[in-house]
Amino acid sequence: MMKPTLLAVALAVAMPAAVFAQSVIEVHDPYARASGPSAVSGAAFMVLHNHGDVDDRLVSASSPVAARVELHTHIEDDAGVMRMVHVDEGLSLPAGGERSLVRGGDHVMFLGITTPFEDGTSVPLTLTFEQAGDVTIEVPVDLSRMPGGHGEHGGQDGHGMTTGN
């Protein structure tokens, strides 16, 4: 008979990465926007929670609705102008912590949109983490959403949680 600790280790090793990601990374309150039906770019915003005991990093993202998906942030240049830039090194996510991807800050950028972002629909998005692996979610498109508060809940209750699958 296997000892409970050995059984737990054996099961953890046998679990696929996606199952591991489900138990460690949670995505709360995601939404996507584009400037209009003919827009060639759009963005997604959300709050990432790392329930693990190891720091992680969001290293990339992908979606079938865009030619390219990048991780972006805004920085202030020497002239005091805010510029959106690609974040090559990814976005850190501390163990037991969270990171908000918000308008005017860190976000997921869809470039070369191949399917229009229509209000009320959703777009598939795969987030790839250095430790947890892939987390695939459906991101609701909300073209009227206004920025607001922590995680940009913008009048919503913020309890809409999505876990990776």
Protein backbone atom coordinates (compact mmCIF):
# COMPACT_ATOMS: atom_id res chain seq x y z
CA MET A 1 0.00 0.00 0.00
CA MET A 2 1.33 3.44 -0.99
CA LYS A 3 1.75 6.02 1.71
CA PRO A 4 -0.53 9.08 1.24
CA THR A 5 2.44 11.39 0.59
CA LEU A 6 3.85 9.14 -2.10
CA LEU A 7 0.43 8.79 -3.69
CA ALA A 8 0.00 12.57 -3.79
CA VAL A 9 3.42 12.99 -5.42
CA ALA A 10 2.68 10.25 -7.96
CA LEU A 11 -0.64 11.86 -8.87
CA ALA A 12 0.92 15.33 -9.16
CA VAL A 13 3.58 14.02 -11.55
CA ALA A 14 0.95 12.24 -13.63
CA MET A 15 -1.32 15.31 -13.97
CA PRO A 16 -1.16 17.19 -17.25
CA ALA A 17 0.11 20.79 -17.07
CA ALA A 18 -3.35 22.19 -17.79
CA VAL A 19 -4.79 20.53 -14.70
CA PHE A 20 -1.90 21.92 -12.67
CA ALA A 21 -2.56 25.38 -14.10
CA GLN A 22 -6.23 25.11 -13.12
CA SER A 23 -5.35 24.70 -9.51
CA VAL A 24 -2.69 27.42 -9.42
CA ILE A 25 -3.66 30.26 -11.80
CA GLU A 26 -7.06 31.90 -11.76
CA VAL A 27 -8.27 34.59 -14.13
CA HIS A 28 -10.88 36.98 -12.77
CA ASP A 29 -13.09 39.47 -14.57
CA PRO A 30 -11.64 39.25 -18.09
CA TYR A 31 -12.95 41.46 -20.87
CA ALA A 32 -11.80 42.52 -24.33
CA ARG A 33 -12.25 45.70 -26.34
CA ALA A 34 -11.59 46.97 -29.84
CA SER A 35 -12.23 50.49 -31.11
CA GLY A 36 -14.85 49.35 -33.64
CA PRO A 37 -15.96 46.63 -36.05
CA SER A 38 -13.20 47.40 -38.56
CA ALA A 39 -10.43 47.69 -35.94
CA VAL A 40 -7.25 45.75 -36.65
CA SER A 41 -6.18 45.66 -33.01
CA GLY A 42 -7.80 45.14 -29.64
CA ALA A 43 -6.91 44.45 -26.04
CA ALA A 44 -7.87 42.20 -23.13
CA PHE A 45 -7.86 43.08 -19.45
CA MET A 46 -8.20 40.88 -16.36
CA VAL A 47 -6.86 40.08 -12.92
CA LEU A 48 -4.44 37.13 -12.65
CA HIS A 49 -4.19 35.27 -9.34
CA ASN A 50 -1.31 32.91 -8.54
CA HIS A 51 -2.48 30.54 -5.80
CA GLY A 52 0.79 28.62 -5.97
CA ASP A 53 3.75 28.89 -3.65
CA VAL A 54 6.17 29.63 -6.51
CA ASP A 55 6.56 32.90 -8.41
CA ASP A 56 5.41 32.63 -12.01
CA ARG A 57 5.55 34.77 -15.14
CA LEU A 58 3.05 35.29 -17.95
CA VAL A 59 5.41 34.83 -20.90
CA SER A 60 3.10 34.89 -23.92
CA ALA A 61 -0.47 34.78 -25.18
CA SER A 62 -2.15 33.52 -28.34
CA SER A 63 -5.57 33.53 -29.97
CA PRO A 64 -7.00 32.30 -33.28
CA VAL A 65 -8.76 35.69 -33.72
CA ALA A 66 -5.53 37.65 -34.30
CA ALA A 67 -2.39 37.31 -36.39
CA ARG A 68 -0.30 38.11 -33.31
CA VAL A 69 -0.95 38.49 -29.59
CA GLU A 70 1.55 40.33 -27.39
CA LEU A 71 1.95 41.38 -23.78
CA HIS A 72 2.07 45.18 -23.53
CA THR A 73 2.48 47.91 -20.95
CA HIS A 74 2.65 51.70 -20.96
CA ILE A 75 5.83 53.59 -20.10
CA GLU A 76 6.56 57.29 -19.87
CA ASP A 77 9.26 58.44 -22.29
CA ASP A 78 11.81 61.22 -21.67
CA ALA A 79 9.33 63.82 -22.98
CA GLY A 80 6.69 62.74 -20.46
CA VAL A 81 4.54 61.03 -23.10
CA MET A 82 3.01 57.64 -22.30
CA ARG A 83 3.83 55.01 -24.91
CA MET A 84 2.53 51.47 -25.29
CA VAL A 85 5.38 48.95 -25.58
CA HIS A 86 5.75 45.20 -26.03
CA VAL A 87 7.01 43.46 -22.88
CA ASP A 88 9.54 40.89 -24.13
CA GLU A 89 10.34 39.49 -20.68
CA GLY A 90 6.70 38.82 -19.78
CA LEU A 91 4.77 39.88 -16.70
CA SER A 92 5.74 38.60 -13.25
CA LEU A 93 3.12 37.04 -11.00
CA PRO A 94 4.25 36.54 -7.40
CA ALA A 95 3.46 33.39 -5.43
CA GLY A 96 0.20 33.91 -3.57
CA GLY A 97 -0.29 37.24 -5.35
CA GLU A 98 -2.13 38.86 -8.18
CA ARG A 99 -1.48 41.13 -11.13
CA SER A 100 -4.08 43.40 -12.71
CA LEU A 101 -4.01 43.85 -16.48
CA VAL A 102 -5.76 47.20 -16.97
CA ARG A 103 -6.31 49.94 -19.50
CA GLY A 104 -3.36 52.32 -19.44
CA GLY A 105 -1.14 49.65 -17.86
CA ASP A 106 -0.24 46.02 -18.48
CA HIS A 107 -2.57 44.28 -20.94
CA VAL A 108 -2.86 41.63 -23.66
CA MET A 109 -2.76 43.16 -27.16
CA PHE A 110 -4.40 41.51 -30.20
CA LEU A 111 -2.70 42.62 -33.46
CA GLY A 112 -4.10 41.86 -36.89
CA ILE A 113 -7.60 40.93 -35.72
CA THR A 114 -9.10 38.40 -38.13
CA THR A 115 -12.53 38.22 -36.47
CA PRO A 116 -14.29 41.44 -35.41
CA PHE A 117 -14.74 41.99 -31.67
CA GLU A 118 -18.52 42.21 -31.46
CA ASP A 119 -20.10 43.36 -28.22
CA GLY A 120 -21.58 40.45 -26.27
CA THR A 121 -19.49 37.76 -27.97
CA SER A 122 -16.29 36.26 -26.62
CA VAL A 123 -12.81 35.55 -27.94
CA PRO A 124 -10.61 32.58 -27.06
CA LEU A 125 -7.29 33.41 -25.42
CA THR A 126 -4.47 31.16 -24.26
CA LEU A 127 -2.16 32.59 -21.62
CA THR A 128 1.19 30.82 -21.28
CA PHE A 129 2.90 30.88 -17.90
CA GLU A 130 6.51 29.95 -17.25
CA GLN A 131 5.63 27.53 -14.41
CA ALA A 132 1.91 26.76 -14.73
CA GLY A 133 1.84 26.31 -18.51
CA ASP A 134 -1.18 27.17 -20.65
CA VAL A 135 -4.43 28.58 -19.31
CA THR A 136 -7.13 28.89 -21.98
CA ILE A 137 -10.11 31.15 -21.35
CA GLU A 138 -13.02 32.75 -23.21
CA VAL A 139 -12.84 36.53 -22.87
CA PRO A 140 -16.16 38.40 -23.14
CA VAL A 141 -16.13 41.37 -25.51
CA ASP A 142 -17.52 44.46 -23.77
CA LEU A 143 -17.20 47.55 -25.94
CA SER A 144 -18.98 49.84 -23.49
CA ARG A 145 -16.97 48.90 -20.39
CA MET A 146 -15.39 51.86 -18.63
CA PRO A 147 -12.27 51.60 -16.50
CA GLY A 148 -12.83 51.54 -12.78
CA GLY A 149 -11.24 50.43 -9.54
CA HIS A 150 -9.17 47.38 -8.74
CA GLY A 151 -9.26 44.93 -11.63
CA GLU A 152 -11.47 47.35 -13.56
CA HIS A 153 -14.68 45.80 -12.32
CA GLY A 154 -16.42 48.93 -13.65
CA GLY A 155 -19.77 48.48 -11.98
CA GLN A 156 -19.76 44.70 -12.10
CA ASP A 157 -19.59 42.61 -8.97
CA GLY A 158 -16.22 41.15 -9.93
CA HIS A 159 -17.23 37.63 -8.91
CA GLY A 160 -17.05 36.24 -12.44
CA MET A 161 -14.06 33.93 -12.07
CA THR A 162 -12.56 31.86 -14.82
CA THR A 163 -10.02 29.14 -14.23
CA GLY A 164 -7.73 27.68 -16.83
CA ASN A 165 -8.62 24.45 -18.56
